[in-house]
Amino acid sequence: MKIYSLILIVAGIFFMLRSSVYARVLLKDEHTRNLAGWQLLFGFVILFIISYVGYGLVLLSRPTALEDIAVSGVFCGGGLFVLATMHVSVQTLHYVREIMERERHGWLHDSLTNLPNRRLLMERMEQAITISDLTKQPIAIMIMDLNRFKEVNDTLGHHYGDELLIALSQRLLNLADASCMIARMGGDEFGFVLESPNKETATNFCKDMLARVDEPFVIDGHKLSIGGSIGIAMYPEHGHVTQQLLQHADVAMYAAKRNGKGCVMYAAGINESSLSNLNLIATLKHPDLKDQLSVSYQPKINLKDGAVCGLEALVRWHHPLLGNIPPEQFIPIAERIGVMPQITFIVLHTALAQLEEWRALGLDIKLAVNLSMRNLSDESLPDDIARVLKCYNILPSNLTLAITESSMMLTR
């Protein structure tokens, strides 16, 4: 009888010792170590172990009765219950921690490319700025925007755009190291934090990145060429806080896109043109844009005999504050922000209305109107044009639709 009681007590001690291991895990975890309940439970576990050992010594020193087996069984069952409770608690803690890590990863990473997102990039910038203040080493903040990416989405569909972004992310990661973070800021925009570079090093890094971007991609049999534009801002020269540095890098990036240089280092002078672009973007999205646009007509000359063989409709924009805005300034912006299709149909309606007036005067004129890349990706384009022609009683043979060079940038 004594041997059975001792076996139960030893089993109970083992269960309690195992429980104390779980309790130590809970006390070391940052989420539970400050909870008084777990600290109290750990104290009870130690007290139980001492009690179990004491009761076992008592059993060894005297004859064992039937009730001793019952008490030993209760002690063993209590130890097993505490062990099961501790095991479930630790497993729950690990499960909750895994969920929190997954949520944090999803909160700080891009779901498509698995690259860090804008939030994590800004966290890294804050850390890099703190280190830079101690080491007195500069930091380069860079923003890259892809060229012609919208044409990929508009022409081939978002599947190809997504696959292109994934393939590009892998290329960029091959250039990164411990001193560089690459993040997807959103859409076709990427951000970089490069620690301890000088301006020359940062510029060379950008050139390497652009060389990788310029290499053609093959997606499902389609050979795609895009390219990119990068803006660079240096800490502390170009700003002292993260938002200011990102803004200045963004300004430099648009300057690079505008002048076609590939990468541009921020300078105070380029702010003025960027503010002007912001004004243009706001007005291009305004409902009153139609009232500010007009159409000019440029003759088309037949080189064989010098005769006028038609007219080309050209859009003109008179901004209420900035005056006449040349097409080469606002059309690329309109393409980028997605309002070019609306402008195209404003021009089309205006031009065909004029053509109807000329026909009433007995003039038979052929008219050419340019289409944008976004127009070409619209499946309803033929029906829309047919409705406009019918509205103004214009024969299809009198209208020529011209395709701009940008539509030829994608090759199969």
Protein backbone atom coordinates (compact mmCIF):
# COMPACT_ATOMS: atom_id res chain seq x y z
CA MET A 1 0.00 0.00 0.00
CA LYS A 2 2.88 2.37 0.83
CA ILE A 3 4.52 1.79 -2.52
CA TYR A 4 1.32 2.82 -4.39
CA SER A 5 1.01 5.96 -2.33
CA LEU A 6 4.65 6.88 -3.00
CA ILE A 7 4.20 6.27 -6.74
CA LEU A 8 1.23 8.64 -6.78
CA ILE A 9 3.17 11.27 -4.83
CA VAL A 10 6.20 10.98 -7.15
CA ALA A 11 3.90 11.31 -10.18
CA GLY A 12 2.31 14.39 -8.61
CA ILE A 13 5.75 15.92 -7.97
CA PHE A 14 6.73 15.23 -11.60
CA PHE A 15 3.53 16.90 -12.85
CA MET A 16 4.18 19.92 -10.64
CA LEU A 17 7.82 20.21 -11.76
CA ARG A 18 6.67 20.11 -15.38
CA SER A 19 4.05 22.72 -14.55
CA SER A 20 6.76 24.97 -13.09
CA VAL A 21 8.59 24.85 -16.44
CA TYR A 22 5.44 26.07 -18.20
CA ALA A 23 4.96 28.70 -15.49
CA ARG A 24 8.48 30.03 -16.13
CA VAL A 25 7.64 30.35 -19.84
CA LEU A 26 4.60 32.43 -18.94
CA LEU A 27 6.61 34.59 -16.54
CA LYS A 28 9.26 35.28 -19.18
CA ASP A 29 6.81 36.28 -21.91
CA GLU A 30 6.45 40.04 -22.32
CA HIS A 31 2.66 39.79 -22.56
CA THR A 32 2.08 37.76 -19.36
CA ARG A 33 5.05 38.31 -17.05
CA ASN A 34 3.54 41.40 -15.42
CA LEU A 35 0.22 39.72 -14.65
CA ALA A 36 -0.10 39.09 -10.91
CA GLY A 37 -2.20 35.96 -11.46
CA TRP A 38 0.61 34.04 -13.18
CA GLN A 39 3.14 35.12 -10.54
CA LEU A 40 0.78 33.93 -7.80
CA LEU A 41 0.18 30.62 -9.60
CA PHE A 42 3.92 30.04 -9.95
CA GLY A 43 4.27 30.60 -6.20
CA PHE A 44 1.51 28.05 -5.54
CA VAL A 45 3.23 25.50 -7.81
CA ILE A 46 6.46 25.81 -5.80
CA LEU A 47 4.48 25.55 -2.55
CA PHE A 48 2.69 22.43 -3.84
CA ILE A 49 6.00 20.80 -4.79
CA ILE A 50 7.35 21.41 -1.26
CA SER A 51 4.10 20.03 0.20
CA TYR A 52 4.25 16.93 -2.01
CA VAL A 53 7.84 16.24 -0.99
CA GLY A 54 6.97 16.77 2.67
CA TYR A 55 4.00 14.41 2.46
CA GLY A 56 6.16 11.79 0.75
CA LEU A 57 8.70 11.95 3.58
CA VAL A 58 5.88 11.53 6.09
CA LEU A 59 4.71 8.40 4.27
CA LEU A 60 8.21 6.96 4.45
CA SER A 61 8.42 7.49 8.21
CA ARG A 62 5.19 5.74 9.25
CA PRO A 63 2.87 2.92 8.27
CA THR A 64 0.50 3.69 5.40
CA ALA A 65 -3.26 3.63 5.83
CA LEU A 66 -5.98 3.34 3.19
CA GLU A 67 -6.74 7.06 3.38
CA ASP A 68 -3.10 7.79 2.48
CA ILE A 69 -3.68 6.25 -0.93
CA ALA A 70 -6.74 8.46 -1.40
CA VAL A 71 -4.82 11.58 -0.39
CA SER A 72 -1.91 10.61 -2.66
CA GLY A 73 -4.39 10.11 -5.50
CA VAL A 74 -5.84 13.58 -4.92
CA PHE A 75 -2.31 15.06 -4.92
CA CYS A 76 -1.47 13.24 -8.16
CA GLY A 77 -4.74 14.33 -9.79
CA GLY A 78 -4.16 17.93 -8.65
CA GLY A 79 -0.69 17.91 -10.18
CA LEU A 80 -2.06 16.53 -13.44
CA PHE A 81 -4.79 19.19 -13.50
CA VAL A 82 -2.26 22.00 -12.94
CA LEU A 83 0.00 20.53 -15.65
CA ALA A 84 -2.89 20.36 -18.12
CA THR A 85 -3.90 23.95 -17.29
CA MET A 86 -0.34 25.20 -17.74
CA HIS A 87 0.08 23.29 -21.00
CA VAL A 88 -3.13 24.73 -22.46
CA SER A 89 -2.11 28.23 -21.30
CA VAL A 90 1.30 28.01 -22.96
CA GLN A 91 -0.17 26.58 -26.17
CA THR A 92 -2.76 29.37 -26.22
CA LEU A 93 -0.02 31.94 -25.67
CA HIS A 94 2.00 30.55 -28.58
CA TYR A 95 -1.12 30.54 -30.78
CA VAL A 96 -1.99 34.14 -29.87
CA ARG A 97 1.63 35.21 -30.43
CA GLU A 98 1.63 33.53 -33.86
CA ILE A 99 -1.60 35.34 -34.79
CA MET A 100 -0.14 38.66 -33.59
CA GLU A 101 3.03 38.10 -35.61
CA ARG A 102 1.01 37.27 -38.71
CA GLU A 103 -1.15 40.36 -38.19
CA ARG A 104 1.91 42.53 -37.64
CA HIS A 105 3.54 41.07 -40.75
CA GLY A 106 0.40 41.79 -42.76
CA TRP A 107 0.18 45.28 -41.26
CA LEU A 108 3.78 46.06 -42.21
CA HIS A 109 4.18 44.16 -45.50
CA ASP A 110 2.68 44.33 -48.95
CA SER A 111 0.32 41.41 -49.57
CA LEU A 112 1.28 41.00 -53.25
CA THR A 113 5.10 41.19 -53.21
CA ASN A 114 5.67 40.48 -49.48
CA LEU A 115 7.99 43.50 -49.44
CA PRO A 116 7.85 45.94 -46.51
CA ASN A 117 5.14 48.54 -47.00
CA ARG A 118 5.09 52.28 -46.36
CA ARG A 119 4.52 51.86 -42.60
CA LEU A 120 7.56 49.62 -42.14
CA LEU A 121 9.63 51.88 -44.39
CA MET A 122 8.83 54.85 -42.15
CA GLU A 123 9.73 52.80 -39.05
CA ARG A 124 13.07 51.95 -40.65
CA MET A 125 13.60 55.61 -41.52
CA GLU A 126 13.00 56.61 -37.89
CA GLN A 127 15.53 54.02 -36.71
CA ALA A 128 18.06 55.06 -39.37
CA ILE A 129 17.69 58.73 -38.40
CA THR A 130 18.35 57.88 -34.75
CA ILE A 131 21.48 55.93 -35.68
CA SER A 132 22.58 58.70 -38.06
CA ASP A 133 22.34 61.28 -35.28
CA LEU A 134 24.81 59.17 -33.27
CA THR A 135 27.19 58.17 -36.08
CA LYS A 136 26.92 61.41 -38.09
CA GLN A 137 26.55 59.32 -41.26
CA PRO A 138 24.02 60.42 -43.93
CA ILE A 139 20.96 58.49 -45.10
CA ALA A 140 19.54 58.34 -48.62
CA ILE A 141 15.76 58.14 -49.05
CA MET A 142 14.69 57.16 -52.55
CA ILE A 143 11.32 56.79 -54.27
CA MET A 144 10.96 55.01 -57.59
CA ASP A 145 7.94 55.19 -59.88
CA LEU A 146 7.65 52.80 -62.81
CA ASN A 147 7.29 54.14 -66.35
CA ARG A 148 4.61 52.67 -68.61
CA PHE A 149 3.26 50.38 -65.88
CA LYS A 150 -0.26 51.72 -66.36
CA GLU A 151 -0.07 50.70 -70.00
CA VAL A 152 0.59 47.12 -68.90
CA ASN A 153 -2.49 47.13 -66.65
CA ASP A 154 -4.68 48.90 -69.18
CA THR A 155 -3.65 46.80 -72.18
CA LEU A 156 -3.02 43.34 -70.77
CA GLY A 157 -4.95 43.42 -67.49
CA HIS A 158 -4.14 43.51 -63.79
CA HIS A 159 -2.92 39.91 -63.72
CA TYR A 160 0.06 40.87 -65.88
CA GLY A 161 0.64 43.98 -63.78
CA ASP A 162 0.69 41.92 -60.58
CA GLU A 163 3.05 39.32 -62.05
CA LEU A 164 5.31 42.12 -63.28
CA LEU A 165 5.47 43.68 -59.79
CA ILE A 166 6.32 40.31 -58.23
CA ALA A 167 9.10 39.67 -60.76
CA LEU A 168 10.47 43.19 -60.30
CA SER A 169 10.48 42.82 -56.51
CA GLN A 170 12.65 39.73 -56.76
CA ARG A 171 15.11 41.58 -58.98
CA LEU A 172 15.34 44.50 -56.58
CA LEU A 173 15.84 42.24 -53.56
CA ASN A 174 18.94 40.78 -55.21
CA LEU A 175 20.55 44.22 -54.97
CA ALA A 176 19.60 44.85 -51.35
CA ASP A 177 21.76 44.17 -48.30
CA ALA A 178 21.65 44.85 -44.55
CA SER A 179 22.17 48.59 -45.11
CA CYS A 180 19.27 48.91 -47.55
CA MET A 181 15.53 48.42 -47.18
CA ILE A 182 13.24 48.09 -50.20
CA ALA A 183 9.51 48.70 -49.77
CA ARG A 184 6.48 48.86 -52.00
CA MET A 185 4.79 52.17 -51.25
CA GLY A 186 1.67 51.30 -53.23
CA GLY A 187 0.69 50.84 -56.86
CA ASP A 188 3.84 51.03 -58.99
CA GLU A 189 5.82 53.07 -56.45
CA PHE A 190 8.76 51.70 -54.44
CA GLY A 191 10.77 53.24 -51.61
CA PHE A 192 14.37 52.67 -50.49
CA VAL A 193 16.31 53.52 -47.34
CA LEU A 194 20.08 53.37 -47.82
CA GLU A 195 22.24 53.92 -44.75
CA SER A 196 25.65 55.65 -44.67
CA PRO A 197 26.00 56.59 -48.37
CA ASN A 198 27.36 59.77 -49.87
CA LYS A 199 25.57 61.37 -52.82
CA GLU A 200 27.70 59.53 -55.36
CA THR A 201 27.03 56.16 -53.73
CA ALA A 202 23.29 56.86 -53.62
CA THR A 203 23.27 57.90 -57.29
CA ASN A 204 25.19 54.78 -58.35
CA PHE A 205 22.78 52.63 -56.34
CA CYS A 206 19.86 54.22 -58.22
CA LYS A 207 21.55 53.57 -61.56
CA ASP A 208 21.97 49.90 -60.64
CA MET A 209 18.30 49.72 -59.70
CA LEU A 210 17.19 51.35 -62.93
CA ALA A 211 19.39 48.99 -64.94
CA ARG A 212 17.52 46.06 -63.36
CA VAL A 213 14.17 47.69 -64.07
CA ASP A 214 15.09 48.40 -67.70
CA GLU A 215 15.78 44.74 -68.45
CA PRO A 216 12.74 43.24 -70.28
CA PHE A 217 10.32 41.00 -68.37
CA VAL A 218 8.67 37.97 -69.93
CA ILE A 219 5.21 37.38 -68.44
CA ASP A 220 3.13 34.55 -69.94
CA GLY A 221 4.85 34.90 -73.29
CA HIS A 222 4.63 38.70 -73.39
CA LYS A 223 7.91 40.60 -73.44
CA LEU A 224 7.39 43.78 -71.43
CA SER A 225 9.71 46.78 -71.11
CA ILE A 226 8.93 49.39 -68.50
CA GLY A 227 11.70 51.50 -66.92
CA GLY A 228 11.60 53.73 -63.88
CA SER A 229 12.31 57.16 -62.41
CA ILE A 230 13.95 57.67 -59.00
CA GLY A 231 14.10 60.70 -56.71
CA ILE A 232 16.70 60.96 -53.95
CA ALA A 233 16.62 62.97 -50.70
CA MET A 234 19.54 62.95 -48.25
CA TYR A 235 19.29 63.15 -44.45
CA PRO A 236 20.04 65.58 -42.86
CA GLU A 237 20.73 67.84 -45.87
CA HIS A 238 17.26 67.71 -47.40
CA GLY A 239 15.10 67.25 -44.31
CA HIS A 240 15.03 66.25 -40.66
CA VAL A 241 11.76 64.28 -40.37
CA THR A 242 10.49 61.25 -42.28
CA GLN A 243 7.51 62.91 -43.94
CA GLN A 244 9.61 65.81 -45.22
CA LEU A 245 12.25 63.46 -46.62
CA LEU A 246 9.62 61.34 -48.38
CA GLN A 247 8.02 64.45 -49.82
CA HIS A 248 11.33 65.77 -51.14
CA ALA A 249 12.24 62.37 -52.61
CA ASP A 250 8.81 62.32 -54.27
CA VAL A 251 9.40 65.80 -55.71
CA ALA A 252 12.77 64.69 -57.09
CA MET A 253 11.18 61.56 -58.56
CA TYR A 254 8.62 63.60 -60.52
CA ALA A 255 11.45 65.82 -61.74
CA ALA A 256 13.26 62.69 -62.98
CA LYS A 257 10.11 61.48 -64.71
CA ARG A 258 9.56 64.89 -66.26
CA ASN A 259 13.04 65.35 -67.72
CA GLY A 260 13.73 61.69 -68.46
CA LYS A 261 17.03 61.59 -66.54
CA GLY A 262 16.26 58.39 -64.67
CA CYS A 263 17.31 59.61 -61.22
CA VAL A 264 17.41 63.11 -59.73
CA MET A 265 18.85 64.39 -56.44
CA TYR A 266 16.51 66.73 -54.60
CA ALA A 267 17.23 70.45 -54.79
CA ALA A 268 15.15 73.31 -53.41
CA GLY A 269 14.57 74.80 -56.87
CA ILE A 270 12.52 71.88 -58.17
CA ASN A 271 9.81 72.47 -55.56
CA GLU A 272 8.24 75.27 -57.55
CA SER A 273 7.52 73.16 -60.62
CA SER A 274 6.19 70.37 -58.39
CA LEU A 275 3.73 72.73 -56.72
CA SER A 276 2.63 73.83 -60.18
CA ASN A 277 2.01 70.18 -61.12
CA LEU A 278 -0.11 69.72 -58.00
CA ASN A 279 -2.26 72.67 -59.11
CA LEU A 280 -2.59 71.15 -62.57
CA ILE A 281 -3.61 67.76 -61.14
CA ALA A 282 -6.28 69.37 -58.96
CA THR A 283 -7.71 71.30 -61.94
CA LEU A 284 -7.57 68.32 -64.31
CA LYS A 285 -9.81 66.43 -61.87
CA HIS A 286 -12.23 69.37 -61.50
CA PRO A 287 -15.69 69.15 -63.13
CA ASP A 288 -15.18 72.59 -64.76
CA LEU A 289 -12.23 71.34 -66.84
CA LYS A 290 -14.49 71.05 -69.92
CA ASP A 291 -15.10 74.79 -69.93
CA GLN A 292 -11.34 75.49 -69.92
CA LEU A 293 -10.46 73.26 -72.89
CA SER A 294 -10.61 74.32 -76.51
CA VAL A 295 -9.69 72.68 -79.82
CA SER A 296 -7.39 74.04 -82.50
CA TYR A 297 -7.21 72.59 -85.99
CA GLN A 298 -3.89 71.96 -87.71
CA PRO A 299 -3.88 71.37 -91.48
CA LYS A 300 -2.48 68.10 -92.82
CA ILE A 301 -0.55 68.59 -96.05
CA ASN A 302 -0.16 65.98 -98.78
CA LEU A 303 3.57 66.00 -99.58
CA LYS A 304 2.98 64.88 -103.16
CA ASP A 305 0.99 67.91 -104.30
CA GLY A 306 1.06 70.28 -101.30
CA ALA A 307 -2.72 70.21 -100.99
CA VAL A 308 -4.54 70.20 -97.64
CA CYS A 309 -5.86 66.68 -97.14
CA GLY A 310 -7.47 67.10 -93.72
CA LEU A 311 -7.22 68.60 -90.28
CA GLU A 312 -5.89 67.35 -86.96
CA ALA A 313 -7.76 68.32 -83.79
CA LEU A 314 -5.38 69.57 -81.08
CA VAL A 315 -6.48 70.26 -77.51
CA ARG A 316 -5.59 73.54 -75.82
CA TRP A 317 -6.00 74.42 -72.15
CA HIS A 318 -6.47 77.90 -70.76
CA HIS A 319 -6.02 77.64 -66.98
CA PRO A 320 -7.96 80.35 -65.07
CA LEU A 321 -4.90 81.20 -62.94
CA LEU A 322 -1.87 79.88 -64.84
CA GLY A 323 -2.95 80.96 -68.32
CA ASN A 324 -2.28 78.83 -71.39
CA ILE A 325 -0.79 75.43 -70.46
CA PRO A 326 1.11 73.76 -73.31
CA PRO A 327 -0.03 70.22 -74.19
CA GLU A 328 3.43 68.76 -73.53
CA GLN A 329 3.05 69.90 -69.92
CA PHE A 330 -0.46 68.72 -69.04
CA ILE A 331 -1.03 65.70 -71.30
CA PRO A 332 1.59 63.47 -69.55
CA ILE A 333 0.03 64.40 -66.20
CA ALA A 334 -3.46 63.66 -67.53
CA GLU A 335 -2.24 60.25 -68.74
CA ARG A 336 -0.67 59.52 -65.37
CA ILE A 337 -3.72 60.38 -63.25
CA GLY A 338 -6.19 58.67 -65.60
CA VAL A 339 -8.24 61.62 -66.94
CA MET A 340 -6.97 61.45 -70.54
CA PRO A 341 -9.97 59.39 -71.75
CA GLN A 342 -12.34 62.14 -70.57
CA ILE A 343 -10.21 64.79 -72.32
CA THR A 344 -10.20 62.70 -75.50
CA PHE A 345 -14.00 62.60 -75.63
CA ILE A 346 -14.26 66.32 -74.87
CA VAL A 347 -12.03 66.90 -77.90
CA LEU A 348 -14.00 64.39 -79.97
CA HIS A 349 -17.37 66.02 -79.22
CA THR A 350 -16.01 69.53 -79.84
CA ALA A 351 -14.29 68.53 -83.10
CA LEU A 352 -17.25 66.62 -84.51
CA ALA A 353 -19.61 69.47 -83.64
CA GLN A 354 -17.32 71.78 -85.61
CA LEU A 355 -17.15 69.28 -88.45
CA GLU A 356 -20.97 69.22 -88.56
CA GLU A 357 -20.99 73.03 -88.93
CA TRP A 358 -18.47 72.87 -91.76
CA ARG A 359 -20.52 70.23 -93.55
CA ALA A 360 -23.58 72.49 -93.30
CA LEU A 361 -21.53 75.10 -95.15
CA GLY A 362 -20.71 72.59 -97.88
CA LEU A 363 -17.15 71.82 -96.71
CA ASP A 364 -16.11 68.18 -96.92
CA ILE A 365 -13.23 67.88 -94.46
CA LYS A 366 -11.55 64.80 -92.99
CA LEU A 367 -10.61 65.15 -89.34
CA ALA A 368 -8.04 63.29 -87.22
CA VAL A 369 -8.35 62.91 -83.41
CA ASN A 370 -5.69 61.36 -81.17
CA LEU A 371 -6.55 58.49 -78.83
CA SER A 372 -4.88 57.81 -75.50
CA MET A 373 -3.60 54.50 -74.18
CA ARG A 374 -6.52 54.26 -71.78
CA ASN A 375 -8.99 54.70 -74.66
CA LEU A 376 -7.47 51.69 -76.42
CA SER A 377 -8.00 49.48 -73.36
CA ASP A 378 -11.71 50.40 -73.16
CA GLU A 379 -13.84 47.62 -74.70
CA SER A 380 -16.73 50.05 -75.17
CA LEU A 381 -14.63 52.45 -77.28
CA PRO A 382 -16.05 51.40 -80.71
CA ASP A 383 -19.65 51.76 -79.48
CA ASP A 384 -18.89 55.13 -77.83
CA ILE A 385 -17.32 56.51 -81.01
CA ALA A 386 -20.23 55.18 -83.09
CA ARG A 387 -22.69 57.01 -80.83
CA VAL A 388 -20.73 60.29 -81.10
CA LEU A 389 -20.61 60.00 -84.93
CA LYS A 390 -24.35 59.34 -85.04
CA CYS A 391 -25.00 62.27 -82.71
CA TYR A 392 -23.38 64.72 -85.16
CA ASN A 393 -24.37 62.91 -88.38
CA ILE A 394 -20.74 62.42 -89.38
CA LEU A 395 -19.70 59.61 -91.73
CA PRO A 396 -17.06 57.27 -90.23
CA SER A 397 -14.89 57.85 -93.32
CA ASN A 398 -14.51 61.52 -92.33
CA LEU A 399 -12.91 60.65 -88.97
CA THR A 400 -9.39 59.32 -88.51
CA LEU A 401 -8.35 58.01 -85.10
CA ALA A 402 -4.63 58.45 -84.48
CA ILE A 403 -2.71 56.24 -82.06
CA THR A 404 0.11 57.87 -80.14
CA GLU A 405 3.59 56.40 -79.85
CA SER A 406 3.03 55.36 -76.23
CA SER A 407 0.62 52.63 -77.37
CA MET A 408 3.52 50.87 -79.13
CA MET A 409 5.69 50.51 -76.01
CA LEU A 410 4.42 47.01 -75.21
CA THR A 411 5.56 44.15 -77.45
CA ARG A 412 4.55 40.53 -77.47
